Amino acid sequence: MKQIERKYYLAVFESRNYAIQLHQHLQRNQLMQYELVSTPCKIKAGCSYSIKFQDLNELDRLLQEAKSIRKTIAGVYVVERSYGKRIIKKLDAI
């Protein structure tokens, strides 16, 4: 059985500006559990940003906040680190 060392989620956007604008909106609303990070090249080439969060239960709030400022999330990924390797999987439903 493989051991999972860390697990987190990434919300990916069509443009880096969408990610930045949504992150600023989240910060203004005191939603500090969301972090702006660089999107891994394995997901999307180019210099883009994603919003990282630790608990899948936080996805609904993220979707709600994105909709409130008319930004769409292009995809959501789960990232697991196991035995030093990073495994990235796209979640089907958002």
N, C-alpha and C. Protein backbone atom coordinates (compact mmCIF):
# COMPACT_ATOMS: atom_id res chain seq x y z
N MET A 1 0.85 -1.18 0.00
CA MET A 1 0.00 0.00 0.00
C MET A 1 0.89 1.24 0.00
N LYS A 2 0.60 2.17 -0.92
CA LYS A 2 1.47 3.35 -1.00
C LYS A 2 1.10 4.38 0.06
N GLN A 3 2.10 5.05 0.52
CA GLN A 3 1.92 6.04 1.57
C GLN A 3 1.81 7.43 0.94
N ILE A 4 0.77 8.16 1.33
CA ILE A 4 0.60 9.53 0.85
C ILE A 4 1.16 10.47 1.91
N GLU A 5 2.13 11.27 1.49
CA GLU A 5 2.76 12.19 2.42
C GLU A 5 2.00 13.51 2.51
N ARG A 6 1.53 14.00 1.37
CA ARG A 6 0.82 15.29 1.32
C ARG A 6 -0.21 15.23 0.22
N LYS A 7 -1.32 15.92 0.45
CA LYS A 7 -2.37 15.98 -0.56
C LYS A 7 -2.96 17.38 -0.52
N TYR A 8 -3.14 17.97 -1.70
CA TYR A 8 -3.79 19.27 -1.79
C TYR A 8 -4.47 19.39 -3.15
N TYR A 9 -5.19 20.49 -3.34
CA TYR A 9 -5.98 20.69 -4.56
C TYR A 9 -5.57 21.99 -5.24
N LEU A 10 -5.70 22.00 -6.56
CA LEU A 10 -5.40 23.20 -7.35
C LEU A 10 -6.58 23.53 -8.25
N ALA A 11 -7.01 24.77 -8.20
CA ALA A 11 -8.00 25.28 -9.15
C ALA A 11 -7.22 26.02 -10.23
N VAL A 12 -7.43 25.62 -11.48
CA VAL A 12 -6.68 26.17 -12.61
C VAL A 12 -7.61 27.06 -13.43
N PHE A 13 -7.05 28.13 -14.00
CA PHE A 13 -7.84 29.13 -14.71
C PHE A 13 -7.36 29.29 -16.15
N GLU A 14 -8.20 29.90 -16.97
CA GLU A 14 -7.84 30.15 -18.37
C GLU A 14 -6.74 31.20 -18.50
N SER A 15 -6.70 32.13 -17.56
CA SER A 15 -5.66 33.16 -17.62
C SER A 15 -5.10 33.42 -16.23
N ARG A 16 -3.89 33.89 -16.20
CA ARG A 16 -3.27 34.19 -14.90
C ARG A 16 -4.01 35.33 -14.21
N ASN A 17 -4.57 36.26 -14.99
CA ASN A 17 -5.30 37.38 -14.40
C ASN A 17 -6.54 36.91 -13.64
N TYR A 18 -7.23 35.89 -14.16
CA TYR A 18 -8.40 35.36 -13.45
C TYR A 18 -7.99 34.84 -12.08
N ALA A 19 -6.88 34.11 -12.03
CA ALA A 19 -6.41 33.55 -10.76
C ALA A 19 -6.04 34.67 -9.79
N ILE A 20 -5.34 35.67 -10.29
CA ILE A 20 -4.92 36.79 -9.43
C ILE A 20 -6.13 37.56 -8.92
N GLN A 21 -7.08 37.85 -9.80
CA GLN A 21 -8.26 38.61 -9.40
C GLN A 21 -9.09 37.85 -8.37
N LEU A 22 -9.26 36.54 -8.57
CA LEU A 22 -10.03 35.76 -7.61
C LEU A 22 -9.29 35.66 -6.28
N HIS A 23 -7.98 35.50 -6.31
CA HIS A 23 -7.22 35.42 -5.07
C HIS A 23 -7.33 36.74 -4.30
N GLN A 24 -7.24 37.86 -4.98
CA GLN A 24 -7.39 39.16 -4.31
C GLN A 24 -8.78 39.29 -3.69
N HIS A 25 -9.80 38.84 -4.41
CA HIS A 25 -11.17 38.85 -3.89
C HIS A 25 -11.27 38.00 -2.62
N LEU A 26 -10.67 36.82 -2.65
CA LEU A 26 -10.69 35.93 -1.49
C LEU A 26 -10.00 36.58 -0.28
N GLN A 27 -8.86 37.22 -0.52
CA GLN A 27 -8.12 37.88 0.55
C GLN A 27 -8.93 39.02 1.16
N ARG A 28 -9.58 39.82 0.29
CA ARG A 28 -10.42 40.93 0.78
C ARG A 28 -11.56 40.42 1.66
N ASN A 29 -12.01 39.20 1.39
CA ASN A 29 -13.12 38.62 2.15
C ASN A 29 -12.63 37.70 3.28
N GLN A 30 -11.36 37.85 3.65
CA GLN A 30 -10.78 37.12 4.78
C GLN A 30 -10.81 35.60 4.62
N LEU A 31 -10.76 35.12 3.38
CA LEU A 31 -10.71 33.68 3.11
C LEU A 31 -9.25 33.31 2.87
N MET A 32 -8.53 33.16 3.96
CA MET A 32 -7.07 33.00 3.91
C MET A 32 -6.61 31.56 3.66
N GLN A 33 -7.53 30.63 3.57
CA GLN A 33 -7.13 29.23 3.36
C GLN A 33 -6.74 28.96 1.91
N TYR A 34 -6.92 29.94 1.04
CA TYR A 34 -6.58 29.80 -0.37
C TYR A 34 -5.25 30.50 -0.65
N GLU A 35 -4.39 29.83 -1.43
CA GLU A 35 -3.05 30.34 -1.70
C GLU A 35 -2.83 30.44 -3.21
N LEU A 36 -2.24 31.52 -3.65
CA LEU A 36 -1.90 31.70 -5.07
C LEU A 36 -0.54 31.05 -5.32
N VAL A 37 -0.50 30.10 -6.26
CA VAL A 37 0.74 29.37 -6.55
C VAL A 37 0.93 29.26 -8.06
N SER A 38 2.13 28.97 -8.48
CA SER A 38 2.40 28.72 -9.90
C SER A 38 1.78 27.39 -10.30
N THR A 39 1.18 27.36 -11.47
CA THR A 39 0.60 26.12 -11.98
C THR A 39 1.72 25.20 -12.44
N PRO A 40 1.71 23.94 -12.00
CA PRO A 40 2.74 23.01 -12.47
C PRO A 40 2.71 22.86 -13.99
N CYS A 41 3.87 22.79 -14.60
CA CYS A 41 3.96 22.66 -16.06
C CYS A 41 3.25 21.42 -16.57
N LYS A 42 3.17 20.39 -15.75
CA LYS A 42 2.49 19.16 -16.15
C LYS A 42 1.00 19.40 -16.42
N ILE A 43 0.43 20.41 -15.77
CA ILE A 43 -0.98 20.74 -15.96
C ILE A 43 -1.16 21.71 -17.12
N LYS A 44 -0.38 22.79 -17.11
CA LYS A 44 -0.55 23.84 -18.12
C LYS A 44 0.79 24.51 -18.39
N ALA A 45 1.16 24.55 -19.65
CA ALA A 45 2.43 25.20 -20.02
C ALA A 45 2.29 26.71 -19.94
N GLY A 46 3.40 27.38 -19.76
CA GLY A 46 3.36 28.84 -19.68
C GLY A 46 3.34 29.31 -18.25
N CYS A 47 3.44 30.60 -18.08
CA CYS A 47 3.47 31.14 -16.72
C CYS A 47 2.05 31.46 -16.28
N SER A 48 1.48 30.55 -15.57
CA SER A 48 0.11 30.71 -15.10
C SER A 48 0.07 30.51 -13.59
N TYR A 49 -1.02 30.92 -13.00
CA TYR A 49 -1.22 30.73 -11.57
C TYR A 49 -2.45 29.89 -11.32
N SER A 50 -2.43 29.22 -10.18
CA SER A 50 -3.56 28.44 -9.70
C SER A 50 -3.84 28.85 -8.27
N ILE A 51 -4.99 28.44 -7.79
CA ILE A 51 -5.31 28.65 -6.39
C ILE A 51 -5.27 27.30 -5.70
N LYS A 52 -4.45 27.24 -4.66
CA LYS A 52 -4.22 26.00 -3.91
C LYS A 52 -5.07 26.01 -2.65
N PHE A 53 -5.65 24.84 -2.33
CA PHE A 53 -6.38 24.69 -1.08
C PHE A 53 -6.21 23.27 -0.58
N GLN A 54 -6.38 23.07 0.72
CA GLN A 54 -6.03 21.81 1.36
C GLN A 54 -7.17 20.82 1.47
N ASP A 55 -8.41 21.30 1.49
CA ASP A 55 -9.56 20.44 1.78
C ASP A 55 -10.56 20.54 0.64
N LEU A 56 -11.00 19.40 0.12
CA LEU A 56 -11.96 19.40 -0.99
C LEU A 56 -13.26 20.09 -0.61
N ASN A 57 -13.58 20.12 0.67
CA ASN A 57 -14.79 20.82 1.13
C ASN A 57 -14.73 22.32 0.85
N GLU A 58 -13.55 22.86 0.63
CA GLU A 58 -13.39 24.28 0.34
C GLU A 58 -13.68 24.61 -1.12
N LEU A 59 -13.86 23.59 -1.96
CA LEU A 59 -14.12 23.82 -3.38
C LEU A 59 -15.44 24.53 -3.62
N ASP A 60 -16.49 24.14 -2.91
CA ASP A 60 -17.79 24.79 -3.11
C ASP A 60 -17.72 26.29 -2.85
N ARG A 61 -17.03 26.67 -1.79
CA ARG A 61 -16.89 28.10 -1.48
C ARG A 61 -16.09 28.81 -2.56
N LEU A 62 -15.04 28.16 -3.06
CA LEU A 62 -14.22 28.74 -4.12
C LEU A 62 -15.04 28.95 -5.39
N LEU A 63 -15.85 27.95 -5.75
CA LEU A 63 -16.71 28.08 -6.93
C LEU A 63 -17.71 29.21 -6.76
N GLN A 64 -18.28 29.32 -5.58
CA GLN A 64 -19.25 30.38 -5.28
C GLN A 64 -18.60 31.76 -5.39
N GLU A 65 -17.42 31.91 -4.85
CA GLU A 65 -16.73 33.20 -4.90
C GLU A 65 -16.30 33.53 -6.34
N ALA A 66 -15.87 32.54 -7.09
CA ALA A 66 -15.49 32.76 -8.50
C ALA A 66 -16.70 33.24 -9.30
N LYS A 67 -17.83 32.60 -9.07
CA LYS A 67 -19.06 32.98 -9.79
C LYS A 67 -19.48 34.41 -9.43
N SER A 68 -19.27 34.79 -8.17
CA SER A 68 -19.70 36.12 -7.73
C SER A 68 -18.93 37.24 -8.43
N ILE A 69 -17.72 36.95 -8.91
CA ILE A 69 -16.96 37.97 -9.64
C ILE A 69 -16.79 37.59 -11.12
N ARG A 70 -17.62 36.67 -11.56
CA ARG A 70 -17.69 36.25 -12.98
C ARG A 70 -16.37 35.69 -13.52
N LYS A 71 -15.73 34.84 -12.72
CA LYS A 71 -14.53 34.13 -13.16
C LYS A 71 -14.85 32.64 -13.17
N THR A 72 -14.38 31.95 -14.18
CA THR A 72 -14.64 30.52 -14.26
C THR A 72 -13.36 29.74 -13.98
N ILE A 73 -13.54 28.62 -13.33
CA ILE A 73 -12.43 27.72 -13.04
C ILE A 73 -12.37 26.70 -14.17
N ALA A 74 -11.22 26.60 -14.82
CA ALA A 74 -11.07 25.71 -15.97
C ALA A 74 -10.96 24.25 -15.56
N GLY A 75 -10.41 23.99 -14.39
CA GLY A 75 -10.25 22.61 -13.92
C GLY A 75 -9.76 22.58 -12.50
N VAL A 76 -10.01 21.45 -11.85
CA VAL A 76 -9.55 21.25 -10.49
C VAL A 76 -8.75 19.95 -10.46
N TYR A 77 -7.61 19.99 -9.82
CA TYR A 77 -6.70 18.85 -9.76
C TYR A 77 -6.38 18.51 -8.31
N VAL A 78 -6.18 17.23 -8.07
CA VAL A 78 -5.68 16.78 -6.77
C VAL A 78 -4.21 16.45 -6.98
N VAL A 79 -3.39 16.91 -6.06
CA VAL A 79 -1.94 16.67 -6.13
C VAL A 79 -1.54 15.90 -4.87
N GLU A 80 -0.93 14.75 -5.08
CA GLU A 80 -0.48 13.93 -3.96
C GLU A 80 1.02 13.73 -4.08
N ARG A 81 1.67 13.76 -2.95
CA ARG A 81 3.10 13.43 -2.91
C ARG A 81 3.21 12.09 -2.20
N SER A 82 3.79 11.14 -2.88
CA SER A 82 3.95 9.82 -2.31
C SER A 82 5.35 9.31 -2.63
N TYR A 83 6.08 8.98 -1.60
CA TYR A 83 7.45 8.50 -1.74
C TYR A 83 8.29 9.45 -2.60
N GLY A 84 8.09 10.75 -2.41
CA GLY A 84 8.89 11.74 -3.11
C GLY A 84 8.42 12.08 -4.51
N LYS A 85 7.40 11.39 -5.02
CA LYS A 85 6.89 11.67 -6.37
C LYS A 85 5.59 12.45 -6.26
N ARG A 86 5.41 13.36 -7.21
CA ARG A 86 4.17 14.15 -7.28
C ARG A 86 3.23 13.51 -8.29
N ILE A 87 2.03 13.19 -7.85
CA ILE A 87 1.02 12.58 -8.71
C ILE A 87 -0.12 13.58 -8.86
N ILE A 88 -0.44 13.94 -10.11
CA ILE A 88 -1.47 14.95 -10.37
C ILE A 88 -2.60 14.28 -11.15
N LYS A 89 -3.82 14.44 -10.63
CA LYS A 89 -5.01 13.88 -11.28
C LYS A 89 -6.08 14.95 -11.39
N LYS A 90 -6.71 15.01 -12.54
CA LYS A 90 -7.82 15.97 -12.72
C LYS A 90 -9.09 15.39 -12.10
N LEU A 91 -9.80 16.23 -11.37
CA LEU A 91 -11.09 15.83 -10.83
C LEU A 91 -12.15 16.02 -11.90
N ASP A 92 -13.08 15.10 -11.99
CA ASP A 92 -14.07 15.13 -13.07
C ASP A 92 -15.08 16.25 -12.93
N ALA A 93 -15.69 16.38 -11.80
CA ALA A 93 -16.81 17.32 -11.66
C ALA A 93 -16.39 18.59 -10.94
N ILE A 94 -16.72 19.73 -11.58
CA ILE A 94 -16.59 21.01 -10.88
C ILE A 94 -17.83 21.82 -11.14
